[in-house]
Protein backbone atom coordinates (compact mmCIF):
# COMPACT_ATOMS: atom_id res chain seq x y z
CA MET A 1 23.70 1.43 -27.41
CA ILE A 2 26.72 1.44 -25.64
CA LEU A 3 28.73 2.81 -28.68
CA ALA A 4 26.13 5.43 -29.40
CA PHE A 5 26.31 6.69 -25.98
CA TRP A 6 30.02 6.86 -26.18
CA PHE A 7 29.98 9.03 -29.41
CA TRP A 8 27.19 11.19 -27.46
CA LEU A 9 29.79 11.71 -24.66
CA ARG A 10 32.42 12.88 -26.92
CA GLY A 11 30.39 14.69 -29.44
CA TYR A 12 29.70 14.11 -33.10
CA VAL A 13 28.48 16.03 -36.18
CA ARG A 14 26.22 15.39 -39.09
CA LEU A 15 28.00 16.69 -42.48
CA THR A 16 26.79 17.34 -46.03
CA VAL A 17 29.60 16.54 -48.41
CA THR A 18 29.03 17.95 -52.04
CA GLY A 19 31.42 17.94 -55.00
CA PHE A 20 32.51 16.02 -58.26
CA SER A 21 34.69 13.62 -56.10
CA VAL A 22 32.63 12.55 -53.38
CA GLU A 23 33.61 8.73 -53.96
CA ARG A 24 37.35 9.78 -53.97
CA PHE A 25 36.55 11.69 -50.67
CA LEU A 26 35.02 8.72 -48.90
CA ASN A 27 37.92 6.59 -49.87
CA MET A 28 40.55 8.81 -48.74
CA ALA A 29 38.78 9.19 -45.37
CA ALA A 30 38.60 5.48 -45.15
CA PHE A 31 42.36 5.20 -46.01
CA HIS A 32 43.16 7.57 -43.09
CA LYS A 33 40.85 5.41 -40.72
CA ILE A 34 38.51 8.23 -40.10
CA TYR A 35 35.53 6.46 -38.60
CA MET A 36 32.32 7.48 -40.45
CA TRP A 37 28.83 6.01 -39.86
CA ASN A 38 25.14 6.50 -41.16
CA VAL A 39 26.51 7.43 -44.56
CA THR A 40 23.45 8.07 -46.89
CA ARG A 41 23.61 9.43 -50.56
CA THR A 42 21.60 12.56 -51.43
CA GLU A 43 21.01 14.42 -54.80
CA ALA A 44 23.85 16.72 -54.13
CA GLY A 45 26.09 14.26 -52.67
CA VAL A 46 26.37 12.24 -49.22
CA GLU A 47 25.43 12.91 -45.57
CA LEU A 48 27.44 11.22 -42.75
CA ASN A 49 28.12 11.17 -39.16
CA THR A 50 31.72 11.50 -37.63
CA SER A 51 33.39 12.39 -34.35
CA ILE A 52 34.75 16.04 -33.69
CA ARG A 53 38.29 14.57 -34.22
CA GLY A 54 37.29 13.05 -37.37
CA PHE A 55 35.87 16.24 -38.64
CA LYS A 56 39.05 18.15 -38.07
CA MET A 57 40.99 15.10 -39.94
CA LEU A 58 38.81 15.43 -42.80
CA ARG A 59 39.89 18.85 -43.77
CA ASN A 60 42.94 17.46 -45.56
CA CYS A 61 40.45 15.18 -47.54
CA THR A 62 38.42 18.07 -48.52
CA ARG A 63 41.39 20.20 -49.64
CA LYS A 64 42.88 17.31 -51.93
CA THR A 65 39.53 16.31 -53.44
CA LYS A 66 38.02 19.89 -53.90
CA CYS A 67 34.82 18.96 -52.03
CA ARG A 68 32.79 21.04 -49.74
CA THR A 69 31.72 19.95 -46.28
CA ARG A 70 28.77 21.80 -44.36
CA ILE A 71 27.84 20.72 -40.73
CA ARG A 72 23.98 20.20 -40.65
CA GLU A 73 23.79 19.05 -36.96
CA LYS A 74 25.74 18.95 -33.89
CA HIS A 75 25.21 16.25 -31.10
CA GLY A 76 26.62 15.21 -27.99
CA LEU A 77 27.87 16.43 -24.56
CA PRO A 78 30.61 18.82 -25.57
CA PHE A 79 28.21 20.94 -27.72
CA ILE A 80 25.62 21.04 -24.63
CA LEU A 81 28.26 22.31 -22.10
CA HIS A 82 29.50 24.79 -24.62
CA ARG A 83 26.06 26.10 -25.24
CA TYR A 84 25.50 26.57 -21.52
CA ARG A 85 29.03 27.37 -20.49
CA LYS A 86 27.95 30.99 -18.93
CA ARG A 87 25.08 29.54 -16.80
CA LYS A 88 27.48 28.43 -14.07
CA LEU A 89 24.68 27.45 -11.65
CA LEU A 90 22.73 25.33 -14.14
CA MET A 91 26.15 23.41 -14.95
CA ALA A 92 26.80 23.21 -11.31
CA GLY A 93 23.25 21.79 -10.87
CA VAL A 94 23.79 19.11 -13.67
CA LEU A 95 27.10 18.09 -12.31
CA PHE A 96 25.81 17.76 -8.84
CA PHE A 97 22.84 15.62 -10.15
CA VAL A 98 25.29 13.26 -11.93
CA ALA A 99 27.46 13.01 -8.95
CA ALA A 100 24.48 12.33 -6.91
CA MET A 101 23.07 9.63 -9.20
CA PHE A 102 26.47 7.79 -9.33
CA ALA A 103 26.69 7.96 -5.53
CA LEU A 104 23.22 6.67 -5.22
CA SER A 105 23.85 3.82 -7.57
CA SER A 106 26.48 2.43 -5.30
CA PHE A 107 23.96 1.37 -2.70
CA VAL A 108 21.24 -1.54 -2.59
CA TRP A 109 17.77 0.08 -2.61
CA LYS A 110 15.47 -2.98 -3.25
CA ILE A 111 15.82 -6.47 -2.21
CA ASP A 112 13.69 -9.27 -4.04
CA VAL A 113 13.39 -12.68 -2.52
CA ILE A 114 12.34 -15.39 -5.18
CA GLY A 115 11.65 -18.98 -4.82
CA THR A 116 10.16 -19.58 -1.38
CA GLU A 117 6.68 -20.87 -0.53
CA THR A 118 6.67 -22.09 2.91
CA LEU A 119 9.19 -19.53 4.13
CA HIS A 120 7.92 -15.97 4.34
CA HIS A 121 9.98 -13.36 2.44
CA ASP A 122 10.02 -10.92 5.44
CA GLU A 123 11.98 -13.65 7.51
CA VAL A 124 14.58 -13.92 4.93
CA ARG A 125 14.96 -9.99 4.73
CA ALA A 126 15.09 -9.82 8.66
CA PHE A 127 17.88 -12.61 8.60
CA LEU A 128 19.96 -10.91 5.89
CA ALA A 129 19.74 -7.53 7.67
CA GLU A 130 21.33 -9.19 10.76
CA ARG A 131 24.10 -10.24 8.46
CA GLY A 132 24.47 -6.79 7.04
CA LEU A 133 22.37 -7.09 3.94
CA GLN A 134 19.72 -4.47 3.90
CA ILE A 135 18.25 -1.37 2.14
CA GLY A 136 20.96 1.14 2.04
CA THR A 137 24.01 -1.18 1.97
CA LEU A 138 27.17 -0.24 -0.12
CA LYS A 139 26.74 -3.03 -2.73
CA TYR A 140 30.49 -3.24 -3.10
CA ARG A 141 30.84 -4.77 0.50
CA ILE A 142 28.51 -7.51 -0.01
CA ASN A 143 30.12 -10.90 0.32
CA ARG A 144 27.37 -12.84 -1.66
CA GLU A 145 28.94 -16.32 -1.06
CA GLU A 146 29.08 -15.75 2.65
CA LYS A 147 25.24 -14.64 2.83
CA ALA A 148 24.34 -17.55 0.74
CA ARG A 149 26.08 -20.18 2.94
CA ALA A 150 24.59 -18.44 6.08
CA LEU A 151 20.97 -18.66 4.59
CA LEU A 152 21.52 -22.50 3.95
CA SER A 153 22.78 -23.13 7.45
CA GLN A 154 20.03 -21.00 9.25
CA PHE A 155 17.16 -22.35 7.19
CA PRO A 156 17.17 -26.25 6.63
CA GLU A 157 14.27 -25.87 4.38
CA ILE A 158 16.39 -24.17 1.70
CA GLY A 159 18.26 -26.33 -0.63
CA PHE A 160 19.63 -23.74 -2.77
CA ALA A 161 20.78 -19.88 -2.43
CA ASN A 162 22.11 -17.39 -4.84
CA ILE A 163 22.54 -13.81 -4.08
CA HIS A 164 23.37 -11.26 -7.20
CA THR A 165 23.23 -7.59 -7.57
CA ARG A 166 22.66 -5.74 -10.61
CA GLY A 167 22.41 -1.91 -10.64
CA THR A 168 20.75 -0.97 -7.27
CA ARG A 169 18.75 -4.33 -7.18
CA THR A 170 19.68 -7.24 -5.22
CA THR A 171 17.94 -10.58 -5.93
CA VAL A 172 17.99 -13.37 -3.45
CA LEU A 173 17.13 -16.67 -5.50
CA LEU A 174 16.16 -19.58 -3.29
CA ALA A 175 14.96 -23.03 -3.91
CA GLU A 176 13.26 -25.01 -1.19
CA ALA A 177 14.61 -28.55 -0.49
CA ILE A 178 12.56 -31.71 -0.62
CA PRO A 179 11.62 -32.30 3.13
CA VAL A 180 13.87 -34.97 4.66
CA GLN A 181 11.85 -38.01 6.02
CA PRO A 182 12.80 -38.87 9.66
CA LEU A 183 14.86 -41.92 10.02
CA ILE A 184 13.20 -44.73 12.26
CA ASP A 185 15.59 -46.49 14.61
CA ARG A 186 14.29 -49.91 14.55
CA THR A 187 16.49 -50.94 17.28
CA THR A 188 14.98 -48.77 19.89
CA PRO A 189 12.29 -50.50 21.93
CA THR A 190 8.91 -48.76 21.66
CA HIS A 191 5.20 -49.08 22.60
CA VAL A 192 2.29 -48.07 20.16
CA VAL A 193 -0.06 -45.81 21.96
CA ALA A 194 -3.26 -44.15 20.80
CA ASP A 195 -2.60 -40.59 19.93
CA ARG A 196 -6.38 -39.82 20.24
CA ASP A 197 -9.59 -41.05 21.26
CA GLY A 198 -11.49 -43.42 18.76
CA LEU A 199 -13.28 -46.54 17.70
CA ILE A 200 -10.73 -48.96 16.09
CA THR A 201 -11.57 -49.93 12.46
CA THR A 202 -8.37 -51.59 11.23
CA ILE A 203 -5.00 -52.42 13.10
CA THR A 204 -2.11 -53.91 11.13
CA ALA A 205 0.95 -54.60 13.52
CA GLY A 206 4.39 -54.85 11.88
CA ALA A 207 6.16 -55.80 15.30
CA GLY A 208 5.01 -56.39 18.77
CA ALA A 209 2.10 -57.69 20.60
CA PRO A 210 -1.50 -56.12 19.83
CA LEU A 211 -3.64 -55.38 22.62
CA VAL A 212 -6.67 -54.19 20.92
CA ARG A 213 -8.82 -55.45 18.03
CA THR A 214 -11.32 -54.10 15.49
CA GLY A 215 -14.42 -52.61 17.21
CA ASP A 216 -12.76 -51.57 20.53
CA VAL A 217 -13.09 -48.07 21.91
CA VAL A 218 -9.66 -46.68 22.96
CA GLN A 219 -8.71 -43.33 24.78
CA ALA A 220 -5.67 -41.10 24.12
CA GLY A 221 -2.67 -42.49 25.58
CA GLU A 222 -3.94 -46.31 25.83
CA MET A 223 -1.55 -48.81 24.62
CA LEU A 224 -2.40 -50.55 21.45
CA VAL A 225 0.55 -52.69 20.69
CA SER A 226 3.21 -53.64 23.31
CA GLY A 227 6.86 -53.75 22.63
CA TYR A 228 7.33 -56.27 25.34
CA LEU A 229 7.28 -59.79 24.18
CA GLN A 230 7.34 -63.14 25.73
CA ILE A 231 9.26 -65.85 23.72
CA GLN A 232 7.95 -69.52 23.99
CA PRO A 233 5.25 -68.76 26.50
CA ASP A 234 4.62 -72.65 26.79
CA MET A 235 8.03 -73.37 28.23
CA PRO A 236 8.48 -73.50 32.03
CA ASP A 237 11.10 -70.80 31.94
CA PRO A 238 10.04 -68.30 29.41
CA GLU A 239 12.31 -65.58 28.05
CA TYR A 240 11.15 -61.88 27.52
CA VAL A 241 12.40 -59.33 24.69
CA TYR A 242 11.85 -55.71 24.09
CA VAL A 243 11.18 -55.04 20.45
CA HIS A 244 10.51 -52.00 18.34
CA ALA A 245 6.68 -52.15 18.05
CA TYR A 246 5.10 -50.49 15.02
CA ALA A 247 1.62 -50.53 13.44
CA GLN A 248 -0.90 -48.83 11.64
CA VAL A 249 -4.08 -48.22 13.66
CA TRP A 250 -7.08 -46.52 11.95
CA ALA A 251 -10.17 -45.45 14.29
CA ARG A 252 -13.53 -43.93 13.54
CA ARG A 253 -13.85 -40.22 15.06
CA TYR A 254 -16.64 -38.01 15.60
CA TYR A 255 -16.43 -34.01 15.43
CA PRO A 256 -19.32 -32.03 16.09
CA ILE A 257 -19.75 -28.50 14.45
CA GLU A 258 -22.43 -26.11 15.39
CA PHE A 259 -22.88 -22.70 14.08
CA ALA A 260 -25.76 -20.29 13.14
CA ILE A 261 -26.44 -18.08 10.06
CA PRO A 262 -28.45 -15.06 10.85
CA LEU A 263 -31.29 -14.15 8.54
CA SER A 264 -31.01 -10.28 9.23
CA TYR A 265 -27.50 -9.02 8.67
CA GLU A 266 -25.75 -5.64 7.58
CA GLN A 267 -24.06 -5.21 4.40
CA ARG A 268 -21.44 -2.98 3.09
CA ILE A 269 -22.54 -0.63 0.34
CA PHE A 270 -19.99 1.34 -1.59
CA THR A 271 -21.13 4.86 -2.39
CA GLY A 272 -18.69 5.52 -5.17
CA ASN A 273 -17.02 8.21 -3.43
CA VAL A 274 -13.20 7.87 -3.60
CA ALA A 275 -10.51 9.95 -2.08
CA HIS A 276 -6.72 9.53 -2.50
CA ARG A 277 -3.77 10.73 -0.57
CA HIS A 278 -0.08 10.38 -1.34
CA ALA A 279 3.01 10.34 0.42
CA LEU A 280 6.78 9.81 -0.35
CA GLN A 281 8.93 7.31 1.54
CA PHE A 282 12.77 8.22 1.60
CA LEU A 283 14.69 4.89 1.96
CA PHE A 284 18.23 6.78 2.41
CA ALA A 285 16.66 8.75 5.47
CA GLY A 286 15.55 5.77 7.58
CA SER A 287 12.52 5.07 5.62
CA ARG A 288 10.95 8.35 6.68
CA VAL A 289 7.49 8.87 5.20
CA VAL A 290 6.41 12.48 4.12
CA ASN A 291 2.68 12.96 3.46
CA LEU A 292 1.98 15.22 0.69
CA PRO A 293 -0.72 17.92 0.86
CA GLY A 294 -4.02 16.71 -0.51
CA GLY A 295 -6.81 17.54 2.13
CA GLY A 296 -8.38 15.46 4.79
CA ILE A 297 -10.81 12.51 4.57
CA SER A 298 -14.28 13.40 5.34
CA PHE A 299 -15.63 9.85 5.24
CA THR A 300 -17.00 8.08 8.46
CA ASP A 301 -16.57 4.37 7.18
CA TYR A 302 -14.21 3.46 4.41
CA ASP A 303 -11.81 1.03 3.19
CA ARG A 304 -8.42 1.82 2.68
CA ILE A 305 -5.78 0.29 0.48
CA THR A 306 -2.28 1.34 0.14
CA THR A 307 0.00 0.71 -2.96
CA GLN A 308 3.72 1.20 -3.42
CA HIS A 309 5.53 2.10 -6.36
CA GLN A 310 9.45 2.45 -6.46
CA PRO A 311 10.52 4.45 -9.53
CA GLY A 312 13.73 3.72 -11.04
CA VAL A 313 15.95 4.10 -14.17
CA GLY A 314 15.16 0.73 -15.96
CA GLY A 315 14.44 -2.43 -14.22
CA ASP A 316 17.97 -2.78 -12.36
CA TYR A 317 18.27 0.84 -11.07
CA PRO A 318 15.33 1.45 -8.72
CA LEU A 319 15.59 4.65 -6.73
CA PRO A 320 15.75 5.15 -3.08
CA VAL A 321 12.24 6.75 -3.13
CA VAL A 322 8.88 4.98 -2.79
CA TRP A 323 5.61 6.54 -3.92
CA LEU A 324 2.85 5.69 -1.54
CA THR A 325 -0.77 5.94 -2.73
CA THR A 326 -3.63 5.45 -0.23
CA ARG A 327 -7.03 4.84 -1.67
CA TYR A 328 -10.10 5.62 0.66
CA ALA A 329 -13.50 4.15 -0.67
CA GLU A 330 -16.52 5.31 1.23
CA PHE A 331 -19.22 2.55 2.26
CA VAL A 332 -22.52 2.74 4.20
CA MET A 333 -24.02 -0.25 6.20
CA LYS A 334 -27.35 -1.14 5.28
CA GLN A 335 -29.94 -3.72 6.93
CA ARG A 336 -30.38 -6.73 4.69
CA THR A 337 -32.62 -9.85 5.02
CA ARG A 338 -31.71 -13.27 3.37
CA THR A 339 -34.21 -15.93 2.51
CA LEU A 340 -34.10 -19.65 3.99
CA THR A 341 -32.70 -20.81 0.64
CA GLN A 342 -29.68 -18.18 0.66
CA ALA A 343 -28.93 -19.13 4.22
CA ARG A 344 -28.87 -22.96 3.23
CA GLU A 345 -26.51 -22.18 0.45
CA LEU A 346 -24.33 -20.01 2.79
CA ALA A 347 -24.31 -22.64 5.44
CA GLU A 348 -23.24 -25.16 3.04
CA ARG A 349 -20.35 -22.91 1.92
CA GLN A 350 -19.23 -22.10 5.49
CA LEU A 351 -19.32 -25.76 6.50
CA THR A 352 -17.08 -26.78 3.54
CA ALA A 353 -14.64 -24.08 4.33
CA ARG A 354 -14.46 -25.34 7.80
CA ILE A 355 -13.83 -28.91 6.94
CA LEU A 356 -11.12 -27.82 4.41
CA ARG A 357 -9.59 -25.59 6.97
CA GLU A 358 -9.83 -27.75 10.25
CA PHE A 359 -9.28 -31.33 8.70
CA ASP A 360 -5.92 -32.60 7.32
CA PHE A 361 -5.76 -33.97 3.69
CA GLY A 362 -4.57 -37.28 5.21
CA ILE A 363 -8.14 -37.75 7.09
CA ASP A 364 -10.72 -39.70 5.42
CA ILE A 365 -14.19 -38.07 5.84
CA VAL A 366 -16.44 -41.16 6.07
CA GLU A 367 -19.78 -39.25 6.45
CA LYS A 368 -21.23 -35.86 7.14
CA ARG A 369 -24.53 -35.65 8.97
CA VAL A 370 -26.23 -32.33 8.94
CA SER A 371 -29.42 -31.15 10.60
CA LEU A 372 -31.00 -27.72 10.29
CA GLU A 373 -33.16 -25.98 12.51
CA GLU A 374 -35.34 -22.79 11.36
CA THR A 375 -36.14 -19.99 13.82
CA PRO A 376 -37.40 -16.56 13.22
CA GLU A 377 -34.02 -15.17 13.65
CA ALA A 378 -31.50 -17.71 12.35
CA LEU A 379 -30.87 -20.96 10.57
CA LEU A 380 -29.04 -23.14 13.12
CA ILE A 381 -26.86 -25.74 11.72
CA SER A 382 -25.82 -28.80 13.80
CA ALA A 383 -23.29 -31.02 11.90
CA LEU A 384 -21.41 -34.36 12.76
CA ILE A 385 -18.30 -35.10 10.84
CA ILE A 386 -17.32 -38.94 10.82
CA THR A 387 -13.68 -39.49 9.97
CA ASN A 388 -11.30 -42.50 9.71
CA GLU A 389 -7.93 -41.54 10.68
CA ARG A 390 -4.72 -42.96 11.91
CA ILE A 391 -4.39 -42.73 15.78
CA ASP A 392 -1.15 -44.58 16.42
CA LYS A 393 1.90 -43.08 17.95
CA MET A 394 5.27 -44.92 18.97
CA VAL A 395 6.69 -44.24 22.32
CA PRO A 396 10.16 -45.24 23.57
CA ILE A 397 10.28 -47.59 26.40
CA GLU A 398 12.65 -46.03 29.10
CA GLY A 399 15.51 -47.88 30.28
CA ALA A 400 14.77 -51.06 27.90
CA THR A 401 17.52 -52.66 25.70
CA PRO A 402 16.50 -54.59 22.54
CA TRP A 403 17.21 -57.87 24.11
CA ASN A 404 16.63 -58.84 27.73
CA PRO A 405 16.52 -62.58 28.01
CA ARG A 406 15.06 -64.11 31.14
CA THR A 407 13.90 -60.74 32.55
CA PRO A 408 10.65 -61.10 34.36
CA PRO A 409 8.05 -58.25 33.47
CA GLU A 410 7.74 -57.18 37.06
CA GLU A 411 11.55 -56.37 37.40
CA THR A 412 11.47 -53.98 34.50
CA SER A 413 8.98 -51.69 33.49
CA THR A 414 5.40 -52.00 34.26
CA SER A 415 3.76 -54.62 32.13
CA PRO A 416 1.30 -53.37 29.53
CA THR A 417 -2.32 -54.16 29.92
CA HIS A 418 -5.25 -53.67 27.96
């Protein structure tokens, strides 16, 4: 491909060689290192391609072998320039176009961010824009290594970053790191308190003094496991220590959910009437948008969807122009009525969607109690979601050290009570 383009720039001709010594002609041309390609045999002789310089060198071979050459086709830029040499404005326009394309290819006109799931692409683009990498940046001034290091230092959730530019497209390839599990300092004295209200179902204490048992009802902030321990309580002079209390405390919790499904509702009905409007966005002019003439929109109610297309030469040379197409689809609102069966099915779907949206995956849903009440206007849903979830939370003990021998409770922090 590159070689063909080079020959096109320099120009080449397609020759027909006839005579009684065609083989000798070819051998002599090869001896003089004249490059020829696409050599094919015909009934009268051979046809071949050679450059303009090679055609001039073949004259000596033609004279010595008594062969005849005839130009069948001329290809390449020199012949085009010669053909239009008197059309100065056209030639000036072509040269301007080539110069403009070369100048535009020196800038970045598209930035792709690949490999992020939790991190939004616009956030990455905004950060890179602050560091000098944005639409319209001269690509020869981009310090890719510096930008990659900046991304790694700014976003701890990124474990790998690579930036490379091909043509006018810059690709930011990212890989998110595995979340780092927080380190637990076992030397810090802590209490375990309730993070939420609940009915205790299971308590497993790893360290500390449990203050609640299965079946107790606790409130948020209430102490569950104390980090203040008394050593040898039967001794006349007991000692006290602070420990890092930790435990897994599971409790039953209740979540009421109420909503209504109306039996009468409005539904969008699309009429099939569609209108399109087009616009051009010029990235090299501050992302200016120019609306193209196409008539107004006579619809009262409509859905609008805008799509973008950035044309380019191949995949690596997008142009600094974006083609915007806005599609308007007309609809009318019509009154509809759903049956009780349809209302129950819709209620089940909405309830399931709310449970998936509002409850974490680590929560066990023990039971789901649903009651329905039918009215002339709507179906009333009252649901009670019963869960079993962890409610423990470690709270550091202020001013405590891991070991405080012979320290009575009243001289330190307030002694935990149930």
